[in-house]
Amino acid sequence: MIAAAQAEIQRARNLLGHMPEHANRLIQFLNTKTNEELVALEIRDMTAMILTIKRVLTMRTLMQNLERKSEDMQVEIDSFMERFAVLHERGLPSLVGNNEHLLRQDEYQLRLNKHVSDQLNVSSSTSVEKALPSGQTLYNNLENLFYIEHEVKHLFIVQPNFYRYTDTYETLRKLLRHQLLEEQWWQSMLEIL
């Protein structure tokens, strides 16, 4: 979603160009004219005209909000991935699947269970001792797994919620639906200015 947001931000930025500065000047210009002067300029409804011009400012605001929200999301993702990288170095299986996307929770749970059973099988099959393992031997074999379990619990100190994701997605949808003025209409307004 962040890639889609970045693409839409760039598209909006290119589409807007210098329109926001011109929009502010046009609104100021229209607000200083009398009704007679507006009729002479062939503007019948100043309020409707200003609301139409404000679409540019609305699009700029949506673009800036989406940019800020997607940056905040990226910071949270990077922070999570940094914490997870430490666990990965300690032996936790990767969160990323073959398609370079994050695994779903159920898929990752299967991968994690397989990893734990492999660790237990390796430790029991390579054991030279055929007798029952002592407490220290068992602890040594499972120490890494205990560490990982402890760290995974602390990885999610705050339960994840999807507010940021849904908020960013809603802003992206609003920006995608937002329509700007036709170029010809905009040029005619700039000629009046």
N, C-alpha and C. Protein backbone atom coordinates (compact mmCIF):
# COMPACT_ATOMS: atom_id res chain seq x y z
N MET A 1 0.81 -1.19 0.00
CA MET A 1 0.00 0.00 0.00
C MET A 1 0.86 1.26 0.00
N ILE A 2 1.99 1.19 0.67
CA ILE A 2 2.86 2.37 0.71
C ILE A 2 3.36 2.70 -0.69
N ALA A 3 3.67 1.68 -1.48
CA ALA A 3 4.12 1.93 -2.86
C ALA A 3 3.00 2.58 -3.67
N ALA A 4 1.77 2.12 -3.49
CA ALA A 4 0.63 2.72 -4.21
C ALA A 4 0.43 4.16 -3.75
N ALA A 5 0.59 4.40 -2.45
CA ALA A 5 0.44 5.76 -1.93
C ALA A 5 1.52 6.67 -2.50
N GLN A 6 2.76 6.18 -2.57
CA GLN A 6 3.85 7.00 -3.11
C GLN A 6 3.61 7.33 -4.59
N ALA A 7 3.10 6.36 -5.34
CA ALA A 7 2.81 6.59 -6.75
C ALA A 7 1.70 7.64 -6.90
N GLU A 8 0.68 7.55 -6.07
CA GLU A 8 -0.43 8.50 -6.14
C GLU A 8 0.01 9.90 -5.70
N ILE A 9 0.88 9.96 -4.71
CA ILE A 9 1.41 11.26 -4.26
C ILE A 9 2.18 11.92 -5.39
N GLN A 10 3.01 11.13 -6.07
CA GLN A 10 3.79 11.69 -7.18
C GLN A 10 2.89 12.14 -8.32
N ARG A 11 1.84 11.34 -8.62
CA ARG A 11 0.90 11.72 -9.68
C ARG A 11 0.19 13.02 -9.32
N ALA A 12 -0.26 13.13 -8.07
CA ALA A 12 -0.95 14.34 -7.62
C ALA A 12 -0.02 15.54 -7.66
N ARG A 13 1.22 15.34 -7.24
CA ARG A 13 2.20 16.44 -7.23
C ARG A 13 2.44 16.95 -8.66
N ASN A 14 2.57 16.01 -9.61
CA ASN A 14 2.77 16.41 -11.00
C ASN A 14 1.54 17.10 -11.57
N LEU A 15 0.37 16.60 -11.21
CA LEU A 15 -0.87 17.16 -11.71
C LEU A 15 -1.10 18.57 -11.16
N LEU A 16 -0.78 18.76 -9.89
CA LEU A 16 -1.00 20.07 -9.26
C LEU A 16 -0.04 21.14 -9.77
N GLY A 17 1.23 20.81 -9.88
CA GLY A 17 2.20 21.80 -10.32
C GLY A 17 2.14 23.05 -9.47
N HIS A 18 1.90 24.21 -10.12
CA HIS A 18 1.82 25.49 -9.40
C HIS A 18 0.37 25.91 -9.15
N MET A 19 -0.55 24.99 -9.36
CA MET A 19 -1.97 25.32 -9.18
C MET A 19 -2.32 25.84 -7.79
N PRO A 20 -1.78 25.29 -6.69
CA PRO A 20 -2.18 25.81 -5.38
C PRO A 20 -1.85 27.30 -5.18
N GLU A 21 -0.70 27.73 -5.67
CA GLU A 21 -0.36 29.16 -5.54
C GLU A 21 -1.32 30.00 -6.37
N HIS A 22 -1.62 29.54 -7.59
CA HIS A 22 -2.56 30.27 -8.44
C HIS A 22 -3.96 30.25 -7.83
N ALA A 23 -4.35 29.15 -7.21
CA ALA A 23 -5.68 29.05 -6.61
C ALA A 23 -5.83 30.08 -5.50
N ASN A 24 -4.83 30.20 -4.65
CA ASN A 24 -4.90 31.21 -3.58
C ASN A 24 -5.02 32.61 -4.15
N ARG A 25 -4.26 32.90 -5.19
CA ARG A 25 -4.32 34.23 -5.82
C ARG A 25 -5.68 34.47 -6.46
N LEU A 26 -6.23 33.44 -7.12
CA LEU A 26 -7.55 33.57 -7.74
C LEU A 26 -8.63 33.83 -6.69
N ILE A 27 -8.58 33.12 -5.58
CA ILE A 27 -9.58 33.31 -4.53
C ILE A 27 -9.47 34.71 -3.95
N GLN A 28 -8.25 35.17 -3.72
CA GLN A 28 -8.06 36.54 -3.23
C GLN A 28 -8.61 37.55 -4.23
N PHE A 29 -8.31 37.33 -5.50
CA PHE A 29 -8.77 38.23 -6.56
C PHE A 29 -10.30 38.28 -6.58
N LEU A 30 -10.95 37.12 -6.55
CA LEU A 30 -12.42 37.08 -6.61
C LEU A 30 -13.05 37.71 -5.38
N ASN A 31 -12.43 37.55 -4.23
CA ASN A 31 -12.97 38.13 -3.00
C ASN A 31 -12.87 39.65 -2.96
N THR A 32 -12.01 40.24 -3.78
CA THR A 32 -11.86 41.70 -3.78
C THR A 32 -12.73 42.39 -4.82
N LYS A 33 -13.45 41.63 -5.62
CA LYS A 33 -14.26 42.21 -6.69
C LYS A 33 -15.71 42.40 -6.24
N THR A 34 -16.33 43.40 -6.80
CA THR A 34 -17.76 43.64 -6.54
C THR A 34 -18.58 42.79 -7.50
N ASN A 35 -19.89 42.74 -7.27
CA ASN A 35 -20.77 41.96 -8.14
C ASN A 35 -20.73 42.47 -9.58
N GLU A 36 -20.69 43.77 -9.75
CA GLU A 36 -20.65 44.35 -11.10
C GLU A 36 -19.36 43.96 -11.82
N GLU A 37 -18.25 44.01 -11.10
CA GLU A 37 -16.97 43.62 -11.71
C GLU A 37 -16.96 42.13 -12.07
N LEU A 38 -17.57 41.32 -11.24
CA LEU A 38 -17.64 39.88 -11.52
C LEU A 38 -18.52 39.60 -12.74
N VAL A 39 -19.62 40.32 -12.86
CA VAL A 39 -20.51 40.14 -14.02
C VAL A 39 -19.76 40.57 -15.28
N ALA A 40 -18.97 41.63 -15.19
CA ALA A 40 -18.18 42.08 -16.34
C ALA A 40 -17.15 41.02 -16.75
N LEU A 41 -16.68 40.24 -15.78
CA LEU A 41 -15.73 39.15 -16.07
C LEU A 41 -16.45 37.85 -16.45
N GLU A 42 -17.78 37.92 -16.58
CA GLU A 42 -18.63 36.78 -16.91
C GLU A 42 -18.63 35.70 -15.83
N ILE A 43 -18.56 36.16 -14.58
CA ILE A 43 -18.65 35.25 -13.44
C ILE A 43 -19.98 35.54 -12.76
N ARG A 44 -20.91 34.59 -12.83
CA ARG A 44 -22.26 34.78 -12.30
C ARG A 44 -22.36 34.40 -10.82
N ASP A 45 -21.66 33.37 -10.40
CA ASP A 45 -21.76 32.88 -9.03
C ASP A 45 -20.36 32.76 -8.42
N MET A 46 -19.99 33.78 -7.64
CA MET A 46 -18.65 33.82 -7.08
C MET A 46 -18.43 32.66 -6.09
N THR A 47 -19.43 32.34 -5.30
CA THR A 47 -19.28 31.26 -4.31
C THR A 47 -19.01 29.93 -4.99
N ALA A 48 -19.76 29.62 -6.02
CA ALA A 48 -19.54 28.37 -6.75
C ALA A 48 -18.16 28.36 -7.40
N MET A 49 -17.74 29.51 -7.90
CA MET A 49 -16.43 29.62 -8.53
C MET A 49 -15.31 29.36 -7.51
N ILE A 50 -15.44 29.94 -6.33
CA ILE A 50 -14.42 29.77 -5.28
C ILE A 50 -14.40 28.31 -4.83
N LEU A 51 -15.57 27.69 -4.67
CA LEU A 51 -15.62 26.28 -4.27
C LEU A 51 -14.97 25.39 -5.33
N THR A 52 -15.15 25.74 -6.59
CA THR A 52 -14.52 24.96 -7.66
C THR A 52 -13.00 25.11 -7.61
N ILE A 53 -12.53 26.31 -7.37
CA ILE A 53 -11.09 26.57 -7.29
C ILE A 53 -10.49 25.86 -6.08
N LYS A 54 -11.27 25.76 -5.00
CA LYS A 54 -10.76 25.14 -3.78
C LYS A 54 -10.51 23.64 -3.94
N ARG A 55 -10.98 23.04 -5.01
CA ARG A 55 -10.69 21.62 -5.26
C ARG A 55 -9.17 21.40 -5.34
N VAL A 56 -8.47 22.39 -5.88
CA VAL A 56 -7.01 22.30 -5.98
C VAL A 56 -6.41 22.25 -4.58
N LEU A 57 -6.90 23.11 -3.70
CA LEU A 57 -6.36 23.15 -2.34
C LEU A 57 -6.73 21.88 -1.57
N THR A 58 -7.92 21.35 -1.83
CA THR A 58 -8.32 20.09 -1.21
C THR A 58 -7.42 18.96 -1.65
N MET A 59 -7.10 18.92 -2.94
CA MET A 59 -6.23 17.86 -3.44
C MET A 59 -4.84 17.97 -2.82
N ARG A 60 -4.34 19.19 -2.69
CA ARG A 60 -3.03 19.38 -2.07
C ARG A 60 -3.04 18.89 -0.63
N THR A 61 -4.10 19.21 0.11
CA THR A 61 -4.22 18.78 1.50
C THR A 61 -4.27 17.25 1.59
N LEU A 62 -5.07 16.62 0.72
CA LEU A 62 -5.14 15.16 0.71
C LEU A 62 -3.77 14.56 0.41
N MET A 63 -3.06 15.14 -0.55
CA MET A 63 -1.74 14.64 -0.92
C MET A 63 -0.77 14.76 0.26
N GLN A 64 -0.78 15.89 0.94
CA GLN A 64 0.11 16.09 2.08
C GLN A 64 -0.24 15.14 3.23
N ASN A 65 -1.54 14.94 3.49
CA ASN A 65 -1.96 14.01 4.54
C ASN A 65 -1.53 12.59 4.21
N LEU A 66 -1.72 12.18 2.96
CA LEU A 66 -1.32 10.84 2.56
C LEU A 66 0.18 10.66 2.68
N GLU A 67 0.93 11.68 2.31
CA GLU A 67 2.38 11.60 2.43
C GLU A 67 2.82 11.43 3.88
N ARG A 68 2.24 12.22 4.76
CA ARG A 68 2.57 12.13 6.19
C ARG A 68 2.17 10.78 6.76
N LYS A 69 0.98 10.32 6.44
CA LYS A 69 0.50 9.04 6.98
C LYS A 69 1.31 7.86 6.46
N SER A 70 1.68 7.89 5.20
CA SER A 70 2.47 6.77 4.67
C SER A 70 3.89 6.79 5.24
N GLU A 71 4.44 7.97 5.51
CA GLU A 71 5.75 8.05 6.16
C GLU A 71 5.67 7.49 7.58
N ASP A 72 4.60 7.81 8.32
CA ASP A 72 4.43 7.28 9.67
C ASP A 72 4.30 5.76 9.64
N MET A 73 3.55 5.25 8.67
CA MET A 73 3.42 3.79 8.53
C MET A 73 4.76 3.15 8.24
N GLN A 74 5.55 3.76 7.37
CA GLN A 74 6.85 3.21 7.02
C GLN A 74 7.78 3.19 8.22
N VAL A 75 7.72 4.22 9.06
CA VAL A 75 8.54 4.26 10.27
C VAL A 75 8.17 3.10 11.19
N GLU A 76 6.88 2.85 11.37
CA GLU A 76 6.45 1.75 12.22
C GLU A 76 6.87 0.40 11.65
N ILE A 77 6.76 0.25 10.34
CA ILE A 77 7.17 -1.00 9.70
C ILE A 77 8.66 -1.22 9.87
N ASP A 78 9.44 -0.18 9.64
CA ASP A 78 10.90 -0.29 9.79
C ASP A 78 11.28 -0.64 11.23
N SER A 79 10.60 -0.03 12.20
CA SER A 79 10.88 -0.31 13.60
C SER A 79 10.59 -1.77 13.92
N PHE A 80 9.45 -2.26 13.45
CA PHE A 80 9.10 -3.66 13.69
C PHE A 80 10.13 -4.58 13.04
N MET A 81 10.50 -4.29 11.80
CA MET A 81 11.44 -5.15 11.09
C MET A 81 12.82 -5.15 11.76
N GLU A 82 13.24 -4.02 12.33
CA GLU A 82 14.51 -3.98 13.05
C GLU A 82 14.47 -4.87 14.29
N ARG A 83 13.36 -4.80 15.03
CA ARG A 83 13.23 -5.65 16.21
C ARG A 83 13.16 -7.11 15.81
N PHE A 84 12.48 -7.39 14.71
CA PHE A 84 12.37 -8.77 14.28
C PHE A 84 13.70 -9.29 13.74
N ALA A 85 14.51 -8.42 13.15
CA ALA A 85 15.81 -8.85 12.62
C ALA A 85 16.69 -9.41 13.74
N VAL A 86 16.60 -8.81 14.92
CA VAL A 86 17.37 -9.31 16.07
C VAL A 86 16.95 -10.74 16.38
N LEU A 87 15.65 -11.00 16.36
CA LEU A 87 15.16 -12.36 16.62
C LEU A 87 15.56 -13.31 15.50
N HIS A 88 15.54 -12.83 14.29
CA HIS A 88 15.93 -13.66 13.15
C HIS A 88 17.39 -14.08 13.28
N GLU A 89 18.23 -13.18 13.76
CA GLU A 89 19.64 -13.51 13.97
C GLU A 89 19.81 -14.57 15.06
N ARG A 90 18.87 -14.62 16.01
CA ARG A 90 18.93 -15.62 17.08
C ARG A 90 18.34 -16.96 16.64
N GLY A 91 17.80 -17.04 15.44
CA GLY A 91 17.32 -18.32 14.94
C GLY A 91 15.84 -18.39 14.62
N LEU A 92 15.10 -17.31 14.80
CA LEU A 92 13.68 -17.33 14.47
C LEU A 92 13.51 -17.35 12.95
N PRO A 93 12.58 -18.15 12.43
CA PRO A 93 12.40 -18.18 10.97
C PRO A 93 11.93 -16.83 10.42
N SER A 94 12.20 -16.61 9.16
CA SER A 94 11.89 -15.34 8.51
C SER A 94 10.39 -15.12 8.38
N LEU A 95 9.99 -13.86 8.44
CA LEU A 95 8.59 -13.46 8.24
C LEU A 95 8.23 -13.38 6.76
N VAL A 96 9.22 -13.38 5.90
CA VAL A 96 9.01 -13.15 4.47
C VAL A 96 8.90 -14.49 3.75
N GLY A 97 7.89 -14.60 2.89
CA GLY A 97 7.68 -15.83 2.13
C GLY A 97 8.45 -15.82 0.83
N ASN A 98 8.20 -16.81 0.00
CA ASN A 98 8.90 -16.93 -1.28
C ASN A 98 8.58 -15.79 -2.24
N ASN A 99 7.41 -15.18 -2.09
CA ASN A 99 7.00 -14.10 -2.99
C ASN A 99 7.44 -12.72 -2.50
N GLU A 100 8.33 -12.69 -1.52
CA GLU A 100 8.88 -11.44 -0.95
C GLU A 100 7.81 -10.60 -0.23
N HIS A 101 6.70 -11.23 0.17
CA HIS A 101 5.67 -10.57 0.96
C HIS A 101 5.66 -11.20 2.35
N LEU A 102 5.15 -10.44 3.32
CA LEU A 102 5.04 -10.97 4.67
C LEU A 102 4.06 -12.14 4.68
N LEU A 103 4.37 -13.14 5.49
CA LEU A 103 3.48 -14.29 5.61
C LEU A 103 2.25 -13.92 6.43
N ARG A 104 1.15 -14.61 6.15
CA ARG A 104 -0.03 -14.46 6.99
C ARG A 104 0.26 -15.11 8.33
N GLN A 105 -0.50 -14.77 9.35
CA GLN A 105 -0.25 -15.27 10.69
C GLN A 105 -0.30 -16.79 10.75
N ASP A 106 -1.30 -17.40 10.12
CA ASP A 106 -1.41 -18.86 10.17
C ASP A 106 -0.24 -19.54 9.46
N GLU A 107 0.22 -18.95 8.35
CA GLU A 107 1.38 -19.50 7.64
C GLU A 107 2.63 -19.40 8.49
N TYR A 108 2.78 -18.26 9.15
CA TYR A 108 3.96 -18.08 9.99
C TYR A 108 3.92 -19.01 11.20
N GLN A 109 2.74 -19.22 11.76
CA GLN A 109 2.61 -20.13 12.90
C GLN A 109 3.05 -21.54 12.50
N LEU A 110 2.66 -21.99 11.30
CA LEU A 110 3.11 -23.29 10.81
C LEU A 110 4.62 -23.34 10.66
N ARG A 111 5.18 -22.27 10.09
CA ARG A 111 6.64 -22.21 9.90
C ARG A 111 7.35 -22.24 11.26
N LEU A 112 6.82 -21.51 12.22
CA LEU A 112 7.42 -21.45 13.55
C LEU A 112 7.32 -22.81 14.26
N ASN A 113 6.17 -23.47 14.15
CA ASN A 113 6.01 -24.79 14.76
C ASN A 113 6.98 -25.80 14.14
N LYS A 114 7.14 -25.75 12.83
CA LYS A 114 8.08 -26.65 12.15
C LYS A 114 9.51 -26.38 12.62
N HIS A 115 9.84 -25.10 12.77
CA HIS A 115 11.18 -24.72 13.23
C HIS A 115 11.45 -25.27 14.63
N VAL A 116 10.47 -25.15 15.53
CA VAL A 116 10.63 -25.64 16.90
C VAL A 116 10.80 -27.16 16.90
N SER A 117 9.95 -27.85 16.13
CA SER A 117 10.07 -29.31 16.10
C SER A 117 11.41 -29.74 15.49
N ASP A 118 11.89 -29.02 14.47
CA ASP A 118 13.20 -29.32 13.89
C ASP A 118 14.31 -29.12 14.92
N GLN A 119 14.20 -28.04 15.70
CA GLN A 119 15.21 -27.77 16.73
C GLN A 119 15.23 -28.90 17.77
N LEU A 120 14.05 -29.33 18.16
CA LEU A 120 13.98 -30.40 19.16
C LEU A 120 14.50 -31.71 18.58
N ASN A 121 14.17 -32.01 17.32
CA ASN A 121 14.65 -33.24 16.69
C ASN A 121 16.16 -33.24 16.53
N VAL A 122 16.71 -32.10 16.13
CA VAL A 122 18.15 -32.00 15.95
C VAL A 122 18.87 -32.17 17.28
N SER A 123 18.34 -31.53 18.31
CA SER A 123 19.01 -31.61 19.61
C SER A 123 18.91 -33.02 20.18
N SER A 124 17.80 -33.73 19.95
CA SER A 124 17.69 -35.09 20.50
C SER A 124 18.44 -36.11 19.66
N SER A 125 18.52 -35.91 18.34
CA SER A 125 19.21 -36.89 17.49
C SER A 125 20.73 -36.76 17.57
N THR A 126 21.23 -35.58 17.86
CA THR A 126 22.68 -35.40 17.95
C THR A 126 23.19 -35.65 19.36
N SER A 127 22.29 -35.90 20.27
CA SER A 127 22.71 -36.13 21.65
C SER A 127 23.46 -37.45 21.74
N VAL A 128 24.61 -37.40 22.34
CA VAL A 128 25.44 -38.59 22.51
C VAL A 128 24.89 -39.41 23.67
N GLU A 129 24.27 -38.71 24.60
CA GLU A 129 23.76 -39.38 25.78
C GLU A 129 22.49 -40.16 25.41
N LYS A 130 22.42 -41.38 25.81
CA LYS A 130 21.22 -42.17 25.59
C LYS A 130 20.35 -42.17 26.84
N ALA A 131 20.90 -41.72 27.95
CA ALA A 131 20.13 -41.68 29.18
C ALA A 131 19.25 -40.45 29.17
N LEU A 132 18.38 -40.36 30.16
CA LEU A 132 17.53 -39.19 30.28
C LEU A 132 18.39 -37.95 30.46
N PRO A 133 18.05 -36.89 29.77
CA PRO A 133 18.86 -35.68 29.90
C PRO A 133 18.67 -35.04 31.26
N SER A 134 19.74 -34.45 31.74
CA SER A 134 19.66 -33.75 33.01
C SER A 134 18.95 -32.42 32.78
N GLY A 135 18.59 -31.77 33.86
CA GLY A 135 17.93 -30.46 33.75
C GLY A 135 18.79 -29.45 33.02
N GLN A 136 20.09 -29.48 33.29
CA GLN A 136 21.01 -28.54 32.64
C GLN A 136 21.09 -28.81 31.14
N THR A 137 21.15 -30.08 30.75
CA THR A 137 21.22 -30.42 29.33
C THR A 137 19.95 -29.99 28.61
N LEU A 138 18.81 -30.25 29.23
CA LEU A 138 17.55 -29.84 28.64
C LEU A 138 17.48 -28.32 28.52
N TYR A 139 17.90 -27.64 29.55
CA TYR A 139 17.90 -26.18 29.51
C TYR A 139 18.81 -25.67 28.40
N ASN A 140 20.00 -26.26 28.30
CA ASN A 140 20.93 -25.83 27.24
C ASN A 140 20.34 -26.06 25.86
N ASN A 141 19.64 -27.17 25.68
CA ASN A 141 19.05 -27.46 24.37
C ASN A 141 17.91 -26.51 24.02
N LEU A 142 17.17 -26.07 25.03
CA LEU A 142 15.98 -25.25 24.78
C LEU A 142 16.19 -23.76 25.09
N GLU A 143 17.39 -23.38 25.50
CA GLU A 143 17.63 -21.99 25.89
C GLU A 143 17.26 -21.01 24.78
N ASN A 144 17.66 -21.32 23.58
CA ASN A 144 17.38 -20.43 22.45
C ASN A 144 15.88 -20.31 22.23
N LEU A 145 15.15 -21.41 22.37
CA LEU A 145 13.71 -21.36 22.17
C LEU A 145 13.02 -20.54 23.26
N PHE A 146 13.49 -20.66 24.52
CA PHE A 146 12.93 -19.85 25.59
C PHE A 146 13.18 -18.36 25.32
N TYR A 147 14.39 -18.05 24.88
CA TYR A 147 14.73 -16.67 24.58
C TYR A 147 13.81 -16.12 23.50
N ILE A 148 13.62 -16.91 22.45
CA ILE A 148 12.78 -16.46 21.33
C ILE A 148 11.34 -16.26 21.79
N GLU A 149 10.81 -17.19 22.58
CA GLU A 149 9.44 -17.05 23.06
C GLU A 149 9.29 -15.77 23.88
N HIS A 150 10.25 -15.52 24.76
CA HIS A 150 10.23 -14.31 25.58
C HIS A 150 10.27 -13.05 24.70
N GLU A 151 11.17 -13.04 23.73
CA GLU A 151 11.33 -11.87 22.88
C GLU A 151 10.12 -11.64 21.97
N VAL A 152 9.51 -12.72 21.49
CA VAL A 152 8.32 -12.57 20.64
C VAL A 152 7.20 -11.92 21.44
N LYS A 153 7.06 -12.30 22.71
CA LYS A 153 6.03 -11.68 23.54
C LYS A 153 6.29 -10.18 23.68
N HIS A 154 7.55 -9.79 23.77
CA HIS A 154 7.87 -8.38 23.93
C HIS A 154 7.92 -7.62 22.61
N LEU A 155 7.92 -8.35 21.52
CA LEU A 155 7.87 -7.70 20.21
C LEU A 155 6.53 -7.00 20.03
N PHE A 156 5.50 -7.57 20.63
CA PHE A 156 4.16 -7.01 20.52
C PHE A 156 3.70 -6.49 21.86
N ILE A 157 4.50 -5.60 22.45
CA ILE A 157 4.12 -5.01 23.74
C ILE A 157 2.77 -4.33 23.61
N VAL A 158 2.62 -3.57 22.56
CA VAL A 158 1.34 -2.95 22.25
C VAL A 158 0.69 -3.81 21.18
N GLN A 159 -0.52 -4.23 21.43
CA GLN A 159 -1.21 -5.06 20.44
C GLN A 159 -1.33 -4.29 19.12
N PRO A 160 -1.02 -4.94 18.01
CA PRO A 160 -1.13 -4.25 16.73
C PRO A 160 -2.58 -3.91 16.42
N ASN A 161 -2.78 -2.72 15.87
CA ASN A 161 -4.11 -2.37 15.38
C ASN A 161 -3.95 -1.85 13.96
N PHE A 162 -5.03 -1.78 13.27
CA PHE A 162 -4.96 -1.43 11.87
C PHE A 162 -5.47 -0.02 11.60
N TYR A 163 -5.51 0.82 12.65
CA TYR A 163 -6.01 2.18 12.46
C TYR A 163 -5.16 2.94 11.44
N ARG A 164 -3.84 2.89 11.59
CA ARG A 164 -2.98 3.62 10.67
C ARG A 164 -3.18 3.14 9.23
N TYR A 165 -3.27 1.84 9.09
CA TYR A 165 -3.45 1.27 7.75
C TYR A 165 -4.78 1.73 7.14
N THR A 166 -5.87 1.60 7.91
CA THR A 166 -7.17 1.97 7.37
C THR A 166 -7.27 3.47 7.14
N ASP A 167 -6.69 4.26 8.04
CA ASP A 167 -6.71 5.71 7.88
C ASP A 167 -5.94 6.12 6.63
N THR A 168 -4.78 5.53 6.42
CA THR A 168 -3.99 5.82 5.23
C THR A 168 -4.71 5.37 3.97
N TYR A 169 -5.34 4.20 4.03
CA TYR A 169 -6.08 3.68 2.89
C TYR A 169 -7.25 4.59 2.53
N GLU A 170 -7.97 5.08 3.53
CA GLU A 170 -9.09 6.00 3.27
C GLU A 170 -8.60 7.28 2.61
N THR A 171 -7.49 7.81 3.08
CA THR A 171 -6.94 9.03 2.48
C THR A 171 -6.52 8.77 1.04
N LEU A 172 -5.93 7.61 0.79
CA LEU A 172 -5.55 7.24 -0.57
C LEU A 172 -6.78 7.15 -1.46
N ARG A 173 -7.86 6.54 -0.97
CA ARG A 173 -9.08 6.44 -1.77
C ARG A 173 -9.67 7.81 -2.07
N LYS A 174 -9.65 8.70 -1.08
CA LYS A 174 -10.17 10.06 -1.31
C LYS A 174 -9.36 10.77 -2.38
N LEU A 175 -8.05 10.61 -2.32
CA LEU A 175 -7.19 11.26 -3.31
C LEU A 175 -7.43 10.69 -4.70
N LEU A 176 -7.63 9.38 -4.79
CA LEU A 176 -7.91 8.75 -6.08
C LEU A 176 -9.24 9.22 -6.67
N ARG A 177 -10.23 9.44 -5.81
CA ARG A 177 -11.55 9.87 -6.29
C ARG A 177 -11.62 11.36 -6.60
N HIS A 178 -10.71 12.14 -6.05
CA HIS A 178 -10.78 13.59 -6.19
C HIS A 178 -10.49 14.01 -7.62
N GLN A 179 -11.37 14.81 -8.16
CA GLN A 179 -11.23 15.27 -9.54
C GLN A 179 -10.79 16.74 -9.56
N LEU A 180 -9.81 17.01 -10.37
CA LEU A 180 -9.36 18.40 -10.55
C LEU A 180 -10.13 19.04 -11.69
N LEU A 181 -9.90 20.30 -11.83
CA LEU A 181 -10.55 21.08 -12.87
C LEU A 181 -9.95 20.74 -14.24
N GLU A 182 -10.75 20.98 -15.27
CA GLU A 182 -10.23 20.78 -16.62
C GLU A 182 -9.18 21.84 -16.91
N GLU A 183 -8.19 21.47 -17.66
CA GLU A 183 -7.07 22.38 -17.96
C GLU A 183 -7.55 23.65 -18.68
N GLN A 184 -8.49 23.49 -19.58
CA GLN A 184 -9.00 24.65 -20.34
C GLN A 184 -9.69 25.64 -19.40
N TRP A 185 -10.51 25.13 -18.47
CA TRP A 185 -11.17 26.01 -17.51
C TRP A 185 -10.15 26.72 -16.64
N TRP A 186 -9.15 25.98 -16.21
CA TRP A 186 -8.12 26.57 -15.36
C TRP A 186 -7.37 27.67 -16.08
N GLN A 187 -7.02 27.43 -17.33
CA GLN A 187 -6.31 28.45 -18.11
C GLN A 187 -7.16 29.70 -18.30
N SER A 188 -8.47 29.54 -18.53
CA SER A 188 -9.34 30.71 -18.68
C SER A 188 -9.40 31.51 -17.38
N MET A 189 -9.37 30.84 -16.24
CA MET A 189 -9.37 31.55 -14.96
C MET A 189 -8.04 32.29 -14.75
N LEU A 190 -6.95 31.68 -15.16
CA LEU A 190 -5.65 32.35 -15.02
C LEU A 190 -5.57 33.57 -15.92
N GLU A 191 -6.23 33.54 -17.07
CA GLU A 191 -6.26 34.71 -17.95
C GLU A 191 -6.99 35.86 -17.30
N ILE A 192 -8.05 35.58 -16.54
CA ILE A 192 -8.78 36.63 -15.83
C ILE A 192 -7.88 37.28 -14.79
N LEU A 193 -7.06 36.46 -14.15
CA LEU A 193 -6.17 36.97 -13.12
C LEU A 193 -5.14 37.90 -13.74
